[in-house]
Amino acid sequence: MEYYDKISGEENSHKGFNYAYAYPGCNKVLQAAGRVIRSETDQGFMLFIDNRFNYSLYRDIFSEIYPDAYKVVTASGLKYQLETFWEDCSR
């Protein structure tokens, strides 16, 4: 982290944290998701459950990769999204 902070030349830019922790963490999440959905014909639902996904850094990264993702904050909202997803898949 200190290395990236130093080479960025920008104090308080958080680039060191991003390169040392955030980006590698996102990569691990994406690798795990890739183990669930393995081909273009696979169908499934991934839940990213962590407060970090509310931060703009993570939201921006994942919204670029998963532009059709939904933010769900209630059990009834999750139930609705799951039912809608599987109804669409069965058509």
PDB file of N, CA and C in Angstrom:
ATOM      1  N   MET A   1       0.831  -1.176   0.000  1.00  0.00           N
ATOM      2  CA  MET A   1       0.000   0.000   0.000  1.00  0.00           C
ATOM      3  C   MET A   1       0.880   1.246   0.000  1.00  0.00           C
ATOM      4  N   GLU A   2       1.892   1.234   0.838  1.00  0.00           N
ATOM      5  CA  GLU A   2       2.792   2.389   0.901  1.00  0.00           C
ATOM      6  C   GLU A   2       3.486   2.606  -0.438  1.00  0.00           C
ATOM      7  N   TYR A   3       3.852   1.522  -1.095  1.00  0.00           N
ATOM      8  CA  TYR A   3       4.509   1.625  -2.401  1.00  0.00           C
ATOM      9  C   TYR A   3       3.613   2.355  -3.397  1.00  0.00           C
ATOM     10  N   TYR A   4       2.373   1.943  -3.516  1.00  0.00           N
ATOM     11  CA  TYR A   4       1.458   2.564  -4.472  1.00  0.00           C
ATOM     12  C   TYR A   4       1.144   4.007  -4.089  1.00  0.00           C
ATOM     13  N   ASP A   5       1.023   4.276  -2.807  1.00  0.00           N
ATOM     14  CA  ASP A   5       0.837   5.660  -2.377  1.00  0.00           C
ATOM     15  C   ASP A   5       2.025   6.512  -2.801  1.00  0.00           C
ATOM     16  N   LYS A   6       3.205   5.954  -2.644  1.00  0.00           N
ATOM     17  CA  LYS A   6       4.423   6.700  -2.962  1.00  0.00           C
ATOM     18  C   LYS A   6       4.537   6.970  -4.455  1.00  0.00           C
ATOM     19  N   ILE A   7       4.299   5.952  -5.285  1.00  0.00           N
ATOM     20  CA  ILE A   7       4.476   6.155  -6.726  1.00  0.00           C
ATOM     21  C   ILE A   7       3.351   6.972  -7.346  1.00  0.00           C
ATOM     22  N   SER A   8       2.189   7.036  -6.705  1.00  0.00           N
ATOM     23  CA  SER A   8       1.096   7.839  -7.269  1.00  0.00           C
ATOM     24  C   SER A   8       1.400   9.324  -7.151  1.00  0.00           C
ATOM     25  N   GLY A   9       2.180   9.687  -6.126  1.00  0.00           N
ATOM     26  CA  GLY A   9       2.529  11.085  -5.942  1.00  0.00           C
ATOM     27  C   GLY A   9       1.380  11.946  -5.470  1.00  0.00           C
ATOM     28  N   GLU A  10       0.269  11.333  -5.145  1.00  0.00           N
ATOM     29  CA  GLU A  10      -0.905  12.081  -4.696  1.00  0.00           C
ATOM     30  C   GLU A  10      -1.197  11.701  -3.252  1.00  0.00           C
ATOM     31  N   GLU A  11      -1.093  12.663  -2.369  1.00  0.00           N
ATOM     32  CA  GLU A  11      -1.420  12.376  -0.975  1.00  0.00           C
ATOM     33  C   GLU A  11      -2.918  12.185  -0.828  1.00  0.00           C
ATOM     34  N   ASN A  12      -3.286  11.285   0.042  1.00  0.00           N
ATOM     35  CA  ASN A  12      -4.694  11.001   0.350  1.00  0.00           C
ATOM     36  C   ASN A  12      -5.507  10.579  -0.870  1.00  0.00           C
ATOM     37  N   SER A  13      -4.847   9.978  -1.857  1.00  0.00           N
ATOM     38  CA  SER A  13      -5.573   9.541  -3.053  1.00  0.00           C
ATOM     39  C   SER A  13      -6.216   8.173  -2.859  1.00  0.00           C
ATOM     40  N   HIS A  14      -5.802   7.433  -1.868  1.00  0.00           N
ATOM     41  CA  HIS A  14      -6.286   6.079  -1.582  1.00  0.00           C
ATOM     42  C   HIS A  14      -5.898   5.076  -2.661  1.00  0.00           C
ATOM     43  N   LYS A  15      -5.022   5.488  -3.587  1.00  0.00           N
ATOM     44  CA  LYS A  15      -4.606   4.547  -4.634  1.00  0.00           C
ATOM     45  C   LYS A  15      -3.867   3.355  -4.044  1.00  0.00           C
ATOM     46  N   GLY A  16      -3.085   3.597  -2.998  1.00  0.00           N
ATOM     47  CA  GLY A  16      -2.380   2.490  -2.372  1.00  0.00           C
ATOM     48  C   GLY A  16      -3.343   1.457  -1.831  1.00  0.00           C
ATOM     49  N   PHE A  17      -4.377   1.899  -1.150  1.00  0.00           N
ATOM     50  CA  PHE A  17      -5.392   0.981  -0.624  1.00  0.00           C
ATOM     51  C   PHE A  17      -6.084   0.255  -1.770  1.00  0.00           C
ATOM     52  N   ASN A  18      -6.446   1.001  -2.811  1.00  0.00           N
ATOM     53  CA  ASN A  18      -7.154   0.392  -3.937  1.00  0.00           C
ATOM     54  C   ASN A  18      -6.331  -0.711  -4.579  1.00  0.00           C
ATOM     55  N   TYR A  19      -5.060  -0.422  -4.863  1.00  0.00           N
ATOM     56  CA  TYR A  19      -4.216  -1.411  -5.535  1.00  0.00           C
ATOM     57  C   TYR A  19      -3.803  -2.556  -4.617  1.00  0.00           C
ATOM     58  N   ALA A  20      -3.638  -2.282  -3.344  1.00  0.00           N
ATOM     59  CA  ALA A  20      -3.183  -3.326  -2.417  1.00  0.00           C
ATOM     60  C   ALA A  20      -4.316  -4.200  -1.896  1.00  0.00           C
ATOM     61  N   TYR A  21      -5.507  -3.628  -1.751  1.00  0.00           N
ATOM     62  CA  TYR A  21      -6.600  -4.373  -1.110  1.00  0.00           C
ATOM     63  C   TYR A  21      -7.880  -4.444  -1.945  1.00  0.00           C
ATOM     64  N   ALA A  22      -8.364  -3.305  -2.424  1.00  0.00           N
ATOM     65  CA  ALA A  22      -9.676  -3.273  -3.082  1.00  0.00           C
ATOM     66  C   ALA A  22      -9.684  -4.066  -4.389  1.00  0.00           C
ATOM     67  N   TYR A  23      -8.752  -3.775  -5.295  1.00  0.00           N
ATOM     68  CA  TYR A  23      -8.752  -4.464  -6.582  1.00  0.00           C
ATOM     69  C   TYR A  23      -8.487  -5.962  -6.450  1.00  0.00           C
ATOM     70  N   PRO A  24      -7.506  -6.378  -5.645  1.00  0.00           N
ATOM     71  CA  PRO A  24      -7.338  -7.834  -5.459  1.00  0.00           C
ATOM     72  C   PRO A  24      -8.577  -8.494  -4.843  1.00  0.00           C
ATOM     73  N   GLY A  25      -9.247  -7.790  -3.928  1.00  0.00           N
ATOM     74  CA  GLY A  25     -10.468  -8.328  -3.331  1.00  0.00           C
ATOM     75  C   GLY A  25     -11.573  -8.480  -4.359  1.00  0.00           C
ATOM     76  N   CYS A  26     -11.719  -7.477  -5.226  1.00  0.00           N
ATOM     77  CA  CYS A  26     -12.722  -7.559  -6.293  1.00  0.00           C
ATOM     78  C   CYS A  26     -12.404  -8.715  -7.231  1.00  0.00           C
ATOM     79  N   ASN A  27     -11.141  -8.900  -7.525  1.00  0.00           N
ATOM     80  CA  ASN A  27     -10.736  -9.997  -8.395  1.00  0.00           C
ATOM     81  C   ASN A  27     -11.143 -11.342  -7.798  1.00  0.00           C
ATOM     82  N   LYS A  28     -10.970 -11.502  -6.503  1.00  0.00           N
ATOM     83  CA  LYS A  28     -11.352 -12.761  -5.859  1.00  0.00           C
ATOM     84  C   LYS A  28     -12.864 -12.981  -5.915  1.00  0.00           C
ATOM     85  N   VAL A  29     -13.622 -11.903  -5.747  1.00  0.00           N
ATOM     86  CA  VAL A  29     -15.078 -12.007  -5.841  1.00  0.00           C
ATOM     87  C   VAL A  29     -15.478 -12.416  -7.249  1.00  0.00           C
ATOM     88  N   LEU A  30     -14.856 -11.809  -8.259  1.00  0.00           N
ATOM     89  CA  LEU A  30     -15.179 -12.141  -9.644  1.00  0.00           C
ATOM     90  C   LEU A  30     -14.784 -13.572  -9.988  1.00  0.00           C
ATOM     91  N   GLN A  31     -13.660 -14.033  -9.447  1.00  0.00           N
ATOM     92  CA  GLN A  31     -13.270 -15.424  -9.670  1.00  0.00           C
ATOM     93  C   GLN A  31     -14.289 -16.383  -9.058  1.00  0.00           C
ATOM     94  N   ALA A  32     -14.764 -16.064  -7.880  1.00  0.00           N
ATOM     95  CA  ALA A  32     -15.776 -16.906  -7.237  1.00  0.00           C
ATOM     96  C   ALA A  32     -17.064 -16.912  -8.050  1.00  0.00           C
ATOM     97  N   ALA A  33     -17.459 -15.760  -8.548  1.00  0.00           N
ATOM     98  CA  ALA A  33     -18.666 -15.680  -9.377  1.00  0.00           C
ATOM     99  C   ALA A  33     -18.492 -16.505 -10.646  1.00  0.00           C
ATOM    100  N   GLY A  34     -17.293 -16.492 -11.201  1.00  0.00           N
ATOM    101  CA  GLY A  34     -17.022 -17.280 -12.397  1.00  0.00           C
ATOM    102  C   GLY A  34     -17.092 -18.774 -12.165  1.00  0.00           C
ATOM    103  N   ARG A  35     -16.954 -19.185 -10.935  1.00  0.00           N
ATOM    104  CA  ARG A  35     -17.088 -20.611 -10.617  1.00  0.00           C
ATOM    105  C   ARG A  35     -18.549 -21.025 -10.514  1.00  0.00           C
ATOM    106  N   VAL A  36     -19.426 -20.061 -10.361  1.00  0.00           N
ATOM    107  CA  VAL A  36     -20.862 -20.343 -10.285  1.00  0.00           C
ATOM    108  C   VAL A  36     -21.461 -20.337 -11.683  1.00  0.00           C
ATOM    109  N   ILE A  37     -21.187 -19.296 -12.426  1.00  0.00           N
ATOM    110  CA  ILE A  37     -21.693 -19.158 -13.791  1.00  0.00           C
ATOM    111  C   ILE A  37     -20.522 -19.469 -14.712  1.00  0.00           C
ATOM    112  N   ARG A  38     -20.511 -20.684 -15.283  1.00  0.00           N
ATOM    113  CA  ARG A  38     -19.325 -21.149 -16.001  1.00  0.00           C
ATOM    114  C   ARG A  38     -19.453 -21.063 -17.519  1.00  0.00           C
ATOM    115  N   SER A  39     -20.653 -20.951 -18.033  1.00  0.00           N
ATOM    116  CA  SER A  39     -20.809 -20.864 -19.490  1.00  0.00           C
ATOM    117  C   SER A  39     -21.946 -19.906 -19.818  1.00  0.00           C
ATOM    118  N   GLU A  40     -22.065 -19.584 -21.084  1.00  0.00           N
ATOM    119  CA  GLU A  40     -23.112 -18.656 -21.516  1.00  0.00           C
ATOM    120  C   GLU A  40     -24.504 -19.242 -21.358  1.00  0.00           C
ATOM    121  N   THR A  41     -24.615 -20.549 -21.255  1.00  0.00           N
ATOM    122  CA  THR A  41     -25.936 -21.163 -21.115  1.00  0.00           C
ATOM    123  C   THR A  41     -26.326 -21.382 -19.659  1.00  0.00           C
ATOM    124  N   ASP A  42     -25.386 -21.220 -18.741  1.00  0.00           N
ATOM    125  CA  ASP A  42     -25.706 -21.347 -17.314  1.00  0.00           C
ATOM    126  C   ASP A  42     -26.614 -20.207 -16.875  1.00  0.00           C
ATOM    127  N   GLN A  43     -27.482 -20.522 -15.945  1.00  0.00           N
ATOM    128  CA  GLN A  43     -28.365 -19.516 -15.379  1.00  0.00           C
ATOM    129  C   GLN A  43     -28.231 -19.559 -13.872  1.00  0.00           C
ATOM    130  N   GLY A  44     -28.193 -18.415 -13.263  1.00  0.00           N
ATOM    131  CA  GLY A  44     -28.059 -18.383 -11.820  1.00  0.00           C
ATOM    132  C   GLY A  44     -28.172 -16.969 -11.293  1.00  0.00           C
ATOM    133  N   PHE A  45     -28.111 -16.884 -10.012  1.00  0.00           N
ATOM    134  CA  PHE A  45     -28.304 -15.617  -9.311  1.00  0.00           C
ATOM    135  C   PHE A  45     -27.172 -15.482  -8.310  1.00  0.00           C
ATOM    136  N   MET A  46     -26.437 -14.411  -8.370  1.00  0.00           N
ATOM    137  CA  MET A  46     -25.344 -14.186  -7.426  1.00  0.00           C
ATOM    138  C   MET A  46     -25.729 -13.073  -6.463  1.00  0.00           C
ATOM    139  N   LEU A  47     -25.456 -13.309  -5.204  1.00  0.00           N
ATOM    140  CA  LEU A  47     -25.710 -12.294  -4.185  1.00  0.00           C
ATOM    141  C   LEU A  47     -24.375 -11.814  -3.644  1.00  0.00           C
ATOM    142  N   PHE A  48     -24.148 -10.529  -3.741  1.00  0.00           N
ATOM    143  CA  PHE A  48     -22.957  -9.919  -3.158  1.00  0.00           C
ATOM    144  C   PHE A  48     -23.408  -9.252  -1.867  1.00  0.00           C
ATOM    145  N   ILE A  49     -23.113  -9.887  -0.754  1.00  0.00           N
ATOM    146  CA  ILE A  49     -23.627  -9.433   0.532  1.00  0.00           C
ATOM    147  C   ILE A  49     -22.469  -8.934   1.382  1.00  0.00           C
ATOM    148  N   ASP A  50     -22.306  -7.632   1.422  1.00  0.00           N
ATOM    149  CA  ASP A  50     -21.261  -7.027   2.230  1.00  0.00           C
ATOM    150  C   ASP A  50     -21.453  -5.516   2.160  1.00  0.00           C
ATOM    151  N   ASN A  51     -21.184  -4.843   3.247  1.00  0.00           N
ATOM    152  CA  ASN A  51     -21.319  -3.381   3.257  1.00  0.00           C
ATOM    153  C   ASN A  51     -20.411  -2.704   2.242  1.00  0.00           C
ATOM    154  N   ARG A  52     -19.286  -3.336   1.911  1.00  0.00           N
ATOM    155  CA  ARG A  52     -18.353  -2.725   0.959  1.00  0.00           C
ATOM    156  C   ARG A  52     -18.992  -2.477  -0.394  1.00  0.00           C
ATOM    157  N   PHE A  53     -19.963  -3.279  -0.778  1.00  0.00           N
ATOM    158  CA  PHE A  53     -20.590  -3.090  -2.079  1.00  0.00           C
ATOM    159  C   PHE A  53     -21.445  -1.826  -2.140  1.00  0.00           C
ATOM    160  N   ASN A  54     -21.618  -1.159  -1.021  1.00  0.00           N
ATOM    161  CA  ASN A  54     -22.282   0.143  -1.002  1.00  0.00           C
ATOM    162  C   ASN A  54     -21.331   1.288  -1.305  1.00  0.00           C
ATOM    163  N   TYR A  55     -20.014   1.040  -1.199  1.00  0.00           N
ATOM    164  CA  TYR A  55     -19.024   2.094  -1.461  1.00  0.00           C
ATOM    165  C   TYR A  55     -18.913   2.330  -2.959  1.00  0.00           C
ATOM    166  N   SER A  56     -18.712   3.585  -3.331  1.00  0.00           N
ATOM    167  CA  SER A  56     -18.695   3.941  -4.751  1.00  0.00           C
ATOM    168  C   SER A  56     -17.617   3.195  -5.535  1.00  0.00           C
ATOM    169  N   LEU A  57     -16.460   2.966  -4.947  1.00  0.00           N
ATOM    170  CA  LEU A  57     -15.396   2.244  -5.646  1.00  0.00           C
ATOM    171  C   LEU A  57     -15.887   0.875  -6.088  1.00  0.00           C
ATOM    172  N   TYR A  58     -16.453   0.127  -5.174  1.00  0.00           N
ATOM    173  CA  TYR A  58     -16.920  -1.222  -5.495  1.00  0.00           C
ATOM    174  C   TYR A  58     -18.151  -1.183  -6.398  1.00  0.00           C
ATOM    175  N   ARG A  59     -19.050  -0.255  -6.129  1.00  0.00           N
ATOM    176  CA  ARG A  59     -20.248  -0.116  -6.970  1.00  0.00           C
ATOM    177  C   ARG A  59     -19.848   0.155  -8.413  1.00  0.00           C
ATOM    178  N   ASP A  60     -18.875   1.056  -8.607  1.00  0.00           N
ATOM    179  CA  ASP A  60     -18.444   1.397  -9.961  1.00  0.00           C
ATOM    180  C   ASP A  60     -17.819   0.205 -10.670  1.00  0.00           C
ATOM    181  N   ILE A  61     -16.981  -0.521  -9.974  1.00  0.00           N
ATOM    182  CA  ILE A  61     -16.325  -1.691 -10.575  1.00  0.00           C
ATOM    183  C   ILE A  61     -17.354  -2.739 -10.973  1.00  0.00           C
ATOM    184  N   PHE A  62     -18.233  -3.076 -10.047  1.00  0.00           N
ATOM    185  CA  PHE A  62     -19.173  -4.162 -10.315  1.00  0.00           C
ATOM    186  C   PHE A  62     -20.303  -3.748 -11.250  1.00  0.00           C
ATOM    187  N   SER A  63     -20.684  -2.478 -11.262  1.00  0.00           N
ATOM    188  CA  SER A  63     -21.735  -2.060 -12.192  1.00  0.00           C
ATOM    189  C   SER A  63     -21.228  -2.066 -13.629  1.00  0.00           C
ATOM    190  N   GLU A  64     -19.926  -1.895 -13.809  1.00  0.00           N
ATOM    191  CA  GLU A  64     -19.358  -1.989 -15.153  1.00  0.00           C
ATOM    192  C   GLU A  64     -19.356  -3.438 -15.631  1.00  0.00           C
ATOM    193  N   ILE A  65     -19.081  -4.358 -14.727  1.00  0.00           N
ATOM    194  CA  ILE A  65     -19.025  -5.779 -15.090  1.00  0.00           C
ATOM    195  C   ILE A  65     -20.418  -6.392 -15.143  1.00  0.00           C
ATOM    196  N   TYR A  66     -21.267  -6.005 -14.217  1.00  0.00           N
ATOM    197  CA  TYR A  66     -22.639  -6.513 -14.139  1.00  0.00           C
ATOM    198  C   TYR A  66     -23.624  -5.354 -14.255  1.00  0.00           C
ATOM    199  N   PRO A  67     -23.814  -4.806 -15.477  1.00  0.00           N
ATOM    200  CA  PRO A  67     -24.675  -3.626 -15.620  1.00  0.00           C
ATOM    201  C   PRO A  67     -26.152  -3.886 -15.311  1.00  0.00           C
ATOM    202  N   ASP A  68     -26.562  -5.148 -15.340  1.00  0.00           N
ATOM    203  CA  ASP A  68     -27.971  -5.459 -15.075  1.00  0.00           C
ATOM    204  C   ASP A  68     -28.210  -5.882 -13.627  1.00  0.00           C
ATOM    205  N   ALA A  69     -27.248  -5.604 -12.762  1.00  0.00           N
ATOM    206  CA  ALA A  69     -27.381  -5.967 -11.344  1.00  0.00           C
ATOM    207  C   ALA A  69     -28.407  -5.076 -10.653  1.00  0.00           C
ATOM    208  N   TYR A  70     -29.013  -5.616  -9.623  1.00  0.00           N
ATOM    209  CA  TYR A  70     -29.994  -4.893  -8.826  1.00  0.00           C
ATOM    210  C   TYR A  70     -29.482  -4.752  -7.402  1.00  0.00           C
ATOM    211  N   LYS A  71     -29.760  -3.619  -6.803  1.00  0.00           N
ATOM    212  CA  LYS A  71     -29.483  -3.452  -5.380  1.00  0.00           C
ATOM    213  C   LYS A  71     -30.759  -3.805  -4.634  1.00  0.00           C
ATOM    214  N   VAL A  72     -30.662  -4.774  -3.764  1.00  0.00           N
ATOM    215  CA  VAL A  72     -31.813  -5.242  -3.001  1.00  0.00           C
ATOM    216  C   VAL A  72     -31.492  -5.070  -1.522  1.00  0.00           C
ATOM    217  N   VAL A  73     -32.397  -4.461  -0.783  1.00  0.00           N
ATOM    218  CA  VAL A  73     -32.115  -4.197   0.626  1.00  0.00           C
ATOM    219  C   VAL A  73     -33.131  -4.818   1.580  1.00  0.00           C
ATOM    220  N   THR A  74     -34.153  -5.466   1.029  1.00  0.00           N
ATOM    221  CA  THR A  74     -35.153  -6.101   1.885  1.00  0.00           C
ATOM    222  C   THR A  74     -35.368  -7.544   1.447  1.00  0.00           C
ATOM    223  N   ALA A  75     -35.873  -8.333   2.357  1.00  0.00           N
ATOM    224  CA  ALA A  75     -36.171  -9.732   2.038  1.00  0.00           C
ATOM    225  C   ALA A  75     -37.247  -9.822   0.958  1.00  0.00           C
ATOM    226  N   SER A  76     -38.243  -8.964   1.038  1.00  0.00           N
ATOM    227  CA  SER A  76     -39.303  -8.999   0.025  1.00  0.00           C
ATOM    228  C   SER A  76     -38.768  -8.567  -1.344  1.00  0.00           C
ATOM    229  N   GLY A  77     -37.823  -7.632  -1.349  1.00  0.00           N
ATOM    230  CA  GLY A  77     -37.202  -7.224  -2.608  1.00  0.00           C
ATOM    231  C   GLY A  77     -36.389  -8.349  -3.216  1.00  0.00           C
ATOM    232  N   LEU A  78     -35.682  -9.092  -2.379  1.00  0.00           N
ATOM    233  CA  LEU A  78     -34.921 -10.245  -2.851  1.00  0.00           C
ATOM    234  C   LEU A  78     -35.857 -11.308  -3.406  1.00  0.00           C
ATOM    235  N   LYS A  79     -36.925 -11.575  -2.686  1.00  0.00           N
ATOM    236  CA  LYS A  79     -37.905 -12.570  -3.141  1.00  0.00           C
ATOM    237  C   LYS A  79     -38.458 -12.186  -4.510  1.00  0.00           C
ATOM    238  N   TYR A  80     -38.807 -10.920  -4.674  1.00  0.00           N
ATOM    239  CA  TYR A  80     -39.343 -10.442  -5.948  1.00  0.00           C
ATOM    240  C   TYR A  80     -38.316 -10.620  -7.074  1.00  0.00           C
ATOM    241  N   GLN A  81     -37.064 -10.221  -6.836  1.00  0.00           N
ATOM    242  CA  GLN A  81     -36.031 -10.323  -7.869  1.00  0.00           C
ATOM    243  C   GLN A  81     -35.760 -11.780  -8.251  1.00  0.00           C
ATOM    244  N   LEU A  82     -35.726 -12.662  -7.257  1.00  0.00           N
ATOM    245  CA  LEU A  82     -35.514 -14.083  -7.543  1.00  0.00           C
ATOM    246  C   LEU A  82     -36.664 -14.665  -8.358  1.00  0.00           C
ATOM    247  N   GLU A  83     -37.889 -14.357  -7.965  1.00  0.00           N
ATOM    248  CA  GLU A  83     -39.050 -14.868  -8.701  1.00  0.00           C
ATOM    249  C   GLU A  83     -39.048 -14.344 -10.135  1.00  0.00           C
ATOM    250  N   THR A  84     -38.772 -13.069 -10.307  1.00  0.00           N
ATOM    251  CA  THR A  84     -38.735 -12.465 -11.641  1.00  0.00           C
ATOM    252  C   THR A  84     -37.631 -13.082 -12.488  1.00  0.00           C
ATOM    253  N   PHE A  85     -36.459 -13.274 -11.884  1.00  0.00           N
ATOM    254  CA  PHE A  85     -35.333 -13.870 -12.606  1.00  0.00           C
ATOM    255  C   PHE A  85     -35.697 -15.259 -13.118  1.00  0.00           C
ATOM    256  N   TRP A  86     -36.208 -16.113 -12.240  1.00  0.00           N
ATOM    257  CA  TRP A  86     -36.497 -17.488 -12.652  1.00  0.00           C
ATOM    258  C   TRP A  86     -37.672 -17.562 -13.617  1.00  0.00           C
ATOM    259  N   GLU A  87     -38.634 -16.655 -13.496  1.00  0.00           N
ATOM    260  CA  GLU A  87     -39.723 -16.607 -14.487  1.00  0.00           C
ATOM    261  C   GLU A  87     -39.166 -16.258 -15.862  1.00  0.00           C
ATOM    262  N   ASP A  88     -38.264 -15.279 -15.910  1.00  0.00           N
ATOM    263  CA  ASP A  88     -37.654 -14.885 -17.181  1.00  0.00           C
ATOM    264  C   ASP A  88     -36.817 -16.028 -17.758  1.00  0.00           C
ATOM    265  N   CYS A  89     -36.136 -16.777 -16.910  1.00  0.00           N
ATOM    266  CA  CYS A  89     -35.301 -17.885 -17.376  1.00  0.00           C
ATOM    267  C   CYS A  89     -36.128 -19.024 -17.956  1.00  0.00           C
ATOM    268  N   SER A  90     -37.342 -19.202 -17.457  1.00  0.00           N
ATOM    269  CA  SER A  90     -38.155 -20.334 -17.889  1.00  0.00           C
ATOM    270  C   SER A  90     -38.904 -20.042 -19.201  1.00  0.00           C
ATOM    271  N   ARG A  91     -38.821 -18.829 -19.672  1.00  0.00           N
ATOM    272  CA  ARG A  91     -39.524 -18.484 -20.934  1.00  0.00           C
ATOM    273  C   ARG A  91     -38.760 -18.935 -22.138  1.00  0.00           C
TER     274      ARG A  91
END
